[in-house]
Amino acid sequence: MTGTVIQSTGSFYDVKTETGEIIVCRLKGRMRLEDKKQTNPVAVGDLVDVEQDDKENYVIASVQQRRNYIVRSDTHKKHVKQVIAANIDQTVVVATLKQPRTAYGFIDRVLLTSEVYDIPAVVIFNKHDIYDAADNALLQELIISYTDAGYGAFSTSVTNREHEQKLFEVFHNKTSLITGPSGVGKSSLVNMIEPELQLRVNEISKYSEKGQHTTTFARMHQLPHGGYIIDTPGIKEFGLVDIDAEEVGHFFPEIRKYIGQCKFNNCLHINEDGCVIREQLEAGTFSPSRYTSYLTFYHEIKDTKKW
């Protein structure tokens, strides 16, 4: 039989079959040995072929061809990939400007990875109700910078049910990977648009102002109004894979659209003469935070490739 993986716990997989039944499966022995460069040969969202072994336990025998997938590097083994989800329509990054503050670099890592795997992305800034005037000024700058880059970007507040209809439209009839650091309110946001899911929510630690993990394993939730949400554990790191340092600019849409317009065709937008990107940065028409992320990723990948 075939089915879709709706939860992965590392050793066991919940698979929803074509009839709607949910069965618990293990991996067939050979699948665990096939790819040493991946921590998980099967991911949430995968369409899999299931059979029974000689003890009549369900096992995943094979994974059908993926439409797409998104990965990050393993936090302990940088050259090993972890597939986060497969067969998705979009990545939704949830971020906050305080309680806790989301690093711009984290947002941009997720966006870059989505670009690498040709997956559209949306940025949602949550907890708008606790922002002061300075926060709101910064918020508008960030929304403009991501919108100018070509991403959907807006703010919301679960407390005030702000932009509830817009959230509904973002997730409607799409399979969405929702990600972000712990504490930004991913589960609360999902509960707002679909209360029946009742995802568990934890409070922010008053000591560290950091979130506490509420999602232990990635899981796919069906939305009654159409679509699926793949909820992921709060991710602290999002290592970059599958690109060379010289390619990083190709995956920043606001840099990509100027390819060929710099003085030198192989311009890296770092210190070259006649660089259109640096000219825009100096003129105040290019996002400083996005440029900082570009430089960070370029040097990170460059240094990693040396080894």
Protein backbone atom coordinates (compact mmCIF):
# COMPACT_ATOMS: atom_id res chain seq x y z
CA MET A 1 0.00 0.00 0.00
CA THR A 2 1.04 3.64 -0.31
CA GLY A 3 0.69 6.50 2.13
CA THR A 4 2.04 9.87 3.24
CA VAL A 5 4.42 10.25 6.16
CA ILE A 6 2.71 12.62 8.62
CA GLN A 7 5.13 12.28 11.54
CA SER A 8 8.73 11.23 11.99
CA THR A 9 10.19 10.43 15.41
CA GLY A 10 13.54 9.18 14.15
CA SER A 11 12.84 5.46 14.62
CA PHE A 12 9.12 5.31 13.89
CA TYR A 13 6.97 6.95 11.22
CA ASP A 14 3.24 7.62 11.25
CA VAL A 15 1.90 7.01 7.75
CA LYS A 16 -1.56 8.01 6.58
CA THR A 17 -2.71 5.51 3.97
CA GLU A 18 -4.90 6.17 0.96
CA THR A 19 -7.90 4.97 2.98
CA GLY A 20 -7.21 7.50 5.77
CA GLU A 21 -5.91 4.92 8.24
CA ILE A 22 -2.83 5.95 10.24
CA ILE A 23 -0.27 3.17 10.75
CA VAL A 24 3.07 3.14 12.57
CA CYS A 25 6.02 1.99 10.49
CA ARG A 26 9.72 1.31 10.79
CA LEU A 27 12.25 1.59 8.00
CA LYS A 28 13.15 -1.50 6.06
CA GLY A 29 16.69 -2.52 6.98
CA ARG A 30 18.35 -1.70 3.67
CA MET A 31 16.90 1.82 3.63
CA ARG A 32 18.80 2.71 6.80
CA LEU A 33 22.08 1.87 5.07
CA GLU A 34 21.62 3.38 1.62
CA ASP A 35 22.56 7.05 2.10
CA LYS A 36 25.25 7.88 4.65
CA LYS A 37 24.99 11.61 3.80
CA GLN A 38 21.44 11.93 5.15
CA THR A 39 20.38 11.56 8.76
CA ASN A 40 16.86 10.60 7.69
CA PRO A 41 16.09 8.78 4.44
CA VAL A 42 12.36 9.38 5.03
CA ALA A 43 10.83 12.77 5.88
CA VAL A 44 7.41 14.16 6.71
CA GLY A 45 5.54 14.74 3.46
CA ASP A 46 7.11 11.77 1.68
CA LEU A 47 4.85 9.46 -0.31
CA VAL A 48 6.00 5.96 0.63
CA ASP A 49 5.37 2.34 -0.23
CA VAL A 50 4.51 0.23 2.82
CA GLU A 51 4.57 -3.52 3.28
CA GLN A 52 4.50 -6.00 6.16
CA ASP A 53 7.53 -7.99 7.30
CA ASP A 54 7.58 -11.60 8.42
CA LYS A 55 6.32 -10.51 11.86
CA GLU A 56 3.45 -8.61 10.25
CA ASN A 57 4.88 -5.26 11.34
CA TYR A 58 4.55 -2.39 8.87
CA VAL A 59 7.77 -1.25 7.23
CA ILE A 60 8.52 1.50 4.72
CA ALA A 61 10.01 -0.28 1.74
CA SER A 62 10.67 2.71 -0.53
CA VAL A 63 10.11 6.42 -1.00
CA GLN A 64 8.43 7.59 -4.18
CA GLN A 65 10.03 10.37 -6.21
CA ARG A 66 9.83 13.68 -4.40
CA ARG A 67 8.37 16.78 -6.05
CA ASN A 68 10.79 18.77 -3.92
CA TYR A 69 12.32 18.78 -0.47
CA ILE A 70 14.15 21.14 1.86
CA VAL A 71 17.19 20.28 3.93
CA ARG A 72 19.62 21.73 6.42
CA SER A 73 23.02 20.51 7.49
CA ASP A 74 23.21 18.41 10.63
CA THR A 75 24.21 20.60 13.59
CA HIS A 76 26.96 18.17 14.64
CA LYS A 77 28.08 16.81 11.25
CA LYS A 78 28.18 19.73 8.83
CA HIS A 79 28.52 17.56 5.73
CA VAL A 80 25.49 15.43 6.59
CA LYS A 81 22.05 16.54 5.45
CA GLN A 82 18.83 16.47 7.41
CA VAL A 83 15.73 16.48 5.22
CA ILE A 84 13.18 18.63 7.05
CA ALA A 85 10.16 18.02 4.81
CA ALA A 86 9.25 16.89 1.31
CA ASN A 87 6.61 17.71 -1.31
CA ILE A 88 5.78 21.19 0.02
CA ASP A 89 4.31 24.26 -1.67
CA GLN A 90 5.88 26.93 0.52
CA THR A 91 8.01 27.71 3.53
CA VAL A 92 6.52 30.01 6.17
CA VAL A 93 9.09 31.60 8.48
CA VAL A 94 7.68 32.90 11.77
CA ALA A 95 9.82 35.50 13.52
CA THR A 96 9.57 38.01 16.37
CA LEU A 97 11.35 41.26 17.17
CA LYS A 98 11.25 40.59 20.94
CA GLN A 99 10.36 37.91 23.50
CA PRO A 100 12.41 36.34 21.94
CA ARG A 101 14.20 38.31 19.25
CA THR A 102 14.73 36.35 16.04
CA ALA A 103 18.13 36.85 14.44
CA TYR A 104 17.92 38.25 10.90
CA GLY A 105 20.48 35.65 9.89
CA PHE A 106 18.09 32.84 10.84
CA ILE A 107 15.32 34.28 8.65
CA ASP A 108 17.70 34.74 5.74
CA ARG A 109 19.12 31.22 6.08
CA VAL A 110 15.65 29.75 5.74
CA LEU A 111 14.91 31.99 2.75
CA LEU A 112 18.21 31.12 1.07
CA THR A 113 17.62 27.40 1.58
CA SER A 114 14.11 27.74 0.16
CA GLU A 115 15.57 29.52 -2.89
CA VAL A 116 18.11 26.74 -3.40
CA TYR A 117 15.31 24.17 -3.57
CA ASP A 118 13.00 26.47 -5.57
CA ILE A 119 10.35 26.70 -2.86
CA PRO A 120 8.38 29.97 -2.40
CA ALA A 121 8.61 31.55 1.05
CA VAL A 122 6.65 33.91 3.30
CA VAL A 123 7.90 35.80 6.37
CA ILE A 124 5.45 36.45 9.23
CA PHE A 125 6.46 38.67 12.16
CA ASN A 126 4.41 37.62 15.16
CA LYS A 127 3.61 39.34 18.52
CA HIS A 128 2.91 42.72 16.93
CA ASP A 129 0.85 43.63 20.02
CA ILE A 130 3.94 43.99 22.24
CA TYR A 131 5.97 46.22 19.88
CA ASP A 132 6.68 49.84 20.78
CA ALA A 133 7.23 52.73 18.35
CA ALA A 134 10.88 51.85 17.72
CA ASP A 135 9.99 48.19 17.13
CA ASN A 136 7.27 49.18 14.67
CA ALA A 137 9.66 51.42 12.75
CA LEU A 138 12.11 48.52 12.46
CA LEU A 139 9.27 46.18 11.56
CA GLN A 140 8.23 48.35 8.62
CA GLU A 141 11.85 48.45 7.38
CA LEU A 142 12.08 44.68 7.49
CA ILE A 143 8.72 44.14 5.79
CA ILE A 144 9.72 46.54 3.01
CA SER A 145 13.11 44.86 2.54
CA TYR A 146 11.60 41.36 2.27
CA THR A 147 8.75 42.56 0.08
CA ASP A 148 11.20 44.33 -2.25
CA ALA A 149 13.16 41.09 -2.44
CA GLY A 150 10.01 39.36 -3.68
CA TYR A 151 8.76 37.59 -0.56
CA GLY A 152 5.39 37.83 1.08
CA ALA A 153 5.96 39.58 4.42
CA PHE A 154 3.59 40.96 7.06
CA SER A 155 3.02 41.13 10.82
CA THR A 156 0.42 39.53 13.01
CA SER A 157 -0.66 39.16 16.61
CA VAL A 158 -2.28 36.00 17.89
CA THR A 159 -3.40 37.89 20.99
CA ASN A 160 -5.30 40.47 18.93
CA ARG A 161 -6.14 38.07 16.08
CA GLU A 162 -4.47 40.53 13.73
CA HIS A 163 -4.54 39.73 10.00
CA GLU A 164 -6.41 36.48 10.66
CA GLN A 165 -7.93 36.44 7.16
CA LYS A 166 -4.53 37.05 5.58
CA LEU A 167 -3.11 34.12 7.53
CA PHE A 168 -5.99 31.95 6.36
CA GLU A 169 -5.21 32.90 2.75
CA VAL A 170 -1.49 32.15 3.17
CA PHE A 171 -2.16 28.56 4.25
CA HIS A 172 -5.31 27.83 2.24
CA ASN A 173 -4.99 24.82 -0.09
CA LYS A 174 -1.20 24.65 0.28
CA THR A 175 1.19 22.26 1.97
CA SER A 176 3.23 24.62 4.12
CA LEU A 177 6.35 24.02 6.15
CA ILE A 178 6.13 26.38 9.13
CA THR A 179 9.43 27.04 10.87
CA GLY A 180 11.08 29.42 13.28
CA PRO A 181 12.97 29.44 16.58
CA SER A 182 11.25 28.25 19.74
CA GLY A 183 9.02 30.85 21.37
CA VAL A 184 7.99 32.85 18.30
CA GLY A 185 4.44 31.51 18.48
CA LYS A 186 4.23 28.99 15.64
CA SER A 187 1.84 26.69 17.52
CA SER A 188 -0.31 29.61 18.72
CA LEU A 189 -0.52 30.94 15.18
CA VAL A 190 -1.62 27.56 13.82
CA ASN A 191 -4.16 27.21 16.63
CA MET A 192 -5.60 30.61 15.72
CA ILE A 193 -6.38 29.62 12.14
CA GLU A 194 -7.43 26.10 13.11
CA PRO A 195 -8.43 25.82 16.80
CA GLU A 196 -9.36 22.14 16.51
CA LEU A 197 -5.69 21.20 16.16
CA GLN A 198 -5.00 22.38 19.74
CA LEU A 199 -1.22 22.33 19.35
CA ARG A 200 0.56 22.54 22.69
CA VAL A 201 1.86 26.01 23.62
CA ASN A 202 4.48 26.86 26.25
CA GLU A 203 5.31 30.20 27.84
CA ILE A 204 8.53 32.10 27.23
CA SER A 205 11.19 31.52 29.88
CA LYS A 206 11.24 34.65 32.07
CA TYR A 207 14.91 34.03 32.84
CA SER A 208 16.30 33.75 29.31
CA GLU A 209 13.47 35.30 27.26
CA LYS A 210 13.86 32.31 24.97
CA GLY A 211 11.21 29.88 23.87
CA GLN A 212 10.78 26.42 25.27
CA HIS A 213 10.37 23.59 22.81
CA THR A 214 6.73 22.55 22.39
CA THR A 215 7.03 20.53 19.17
CA THR A 216 9.26 17.49 19.65
CA PHE A 217 8.93 15.95 16.18
CA ALA A 218 7.96 17.25 12.77
CA ARG A 219 4.30 16.51 12.05
CA MET A 220 1.87 17.19 9.21
CA HIS A 221 -1.57 18.52 10.17
CA GLN A 222 -4.51 18.59 7.78
CA LEU A 223 -6.52 21.82 7.64
CA PRO A 224 -10.29 21.30 7.29
CA HIS A 225 -10.57 24.28 4.94
CA GLY A 226 -7.94 22.81 2.60
CA GLY A 227 -4.21 22.39 2.89
CA TYR A 228 -1.63 20.95 5.27
CA ILE A 229 0.78 22.46 7.77
CA ILE A 230 4.04 20.73 8.60
CA ASP A 231 4.98 21.91 12.08
CA THR A 232 8.66 21.59 12.96
CA PRO A 233 10.57 21.67 16.24
CA GLY A 234 12.01 25.08 17.10
CA ILE A 235 15.20 25.21 15.06
CA LYS A 236 18.19 27.05 16.51
CA GLU A 237 20.53 26.51 13.57
CA PHE A 238 19.93 26.20 9.86
CA GLY A 239 23.17 25.08 8.24
CA LEU A 240 23.59 25.74 4.52
CA VAL A 241 24.15 22.94 2.01
CA ASP A 242 24.39 22.21 -1.70
CA ILE A 243 25.78 25.57 -2.87
CA ASP A 244 29.21 27.11 -3.44
CA ALA A 245 30.18 30.47 -1.99
CA GLU A 246 30.29 32.06 -5.45
CA GLU A 247 26.65 31.06 -5.99
CA VAL A 248 25.20 32.69 -2.88
CA GLY A 249 24.21 35.90 -4.70
CA HIS A 250 22.12 33.88 -7.16
CA PHE A 251 19.83 32.90 -4.28
CA PHE A 252 19.23 36.44 -3.03
CA PRO A 253 16.46 37.65 -5.39
CA GLU A 254 17.40 41.32 -4.94
CA ILE A 255 20.98 40.50 -5.99
CA ARG A 256 20.03 38.02 -8.69
CA LYS A 257 18.04 40.58 -10.69
CA TYR A 258 21.22 42.65 -11.17
CA ILE A 259 23.40 39.79 -12.41
CA GLY A 260 25.47 41.02 -15.37
CA GLN A 261 25.11 44.70 -14.49
CA CYS A 262 28.26 45.00 -12.36
CA LYS A 263 31.53 46.07 -13.99
CA PHE A 264 32.94 42.56 -13.70
CA ASN A 265 30.93 39.49 -14.71
CA ASN A 266 32.31 37.49 -11.78
CA CYS A 267 31.60 40.23 -9.22
CA LEU A 268 31.16 38.85 -5.72
CA HIS A 269 29.72 42.14 -4.41
CA ILE A 270 32.33 42.39 -1.66
CA ASN A 271 34.98 44.97 -2.60
CA GLU A 272 35.04 45.09 -6.39
CA ASP A 273 34.98 48.33 -8.36
CA GLY A 274 31.79 49.06 -10.26
CA CYS A 275 29.61 46.77 -8.11
CA VAL A 276 25.95 47.71 -8.52
CA ILE A 277 24.99 46.09 -5.21
CA ARG A 278 27.56 48.04 -3.20
CA GLU A 279 26.53 51.25 -4.98
CA GLN A 280 22.93 50.61 -3.89
CA LEU A 281 24.06 49.82 -0.36
CA GLU A 282 25.93 53.14 -0.15
CA ALA A 283 22.92 54.96 -1.60
CA GLY A 284 20.64 53.42 1.03
CA THR A 285 18.53 51.47 -1.46
CA PHE A 286 19.73 47.99 -0.45
CA SER A 287 18.90 46.40 2.90
CA PRO A 288 21.97 46.46 5.20
CA SER A 289 20.75 43.41 7.13
CA ARG A 290 20.27 41.41 3.95
CA TYR A 291 23.74 42.42 2.74
CA THR A 292 25.23 41.38 6.08
CA SER A 293 23.54 37.99 5.71
CA TYR A 294 24.94 37.69 2.18
CA LEU A 295 28.50 38.31 3.40
CA THR A 296 28.05 35.95 6.37
CA PHE A 297 26.80 33.10 4.17
CA TYR A 298 29.50 33.69 1.54
CA HIS A 299 32.34 33.47 4.05
CA GLU A 300 30.73 30.62 5.99
CA ILE A 301 30.43 28.45 2.89
CA LYS A 302 33.87 29.52 1.66
CA ASP A 303 35.46 28.49 4.95
CA THR A 304 33.51 25.22 5.11
CA LYS A 305 34.58 24.21 1.59
CA LYS A 306 38.25 24.52 2.60
CA TRP A 307 37.81 21.41 4.68
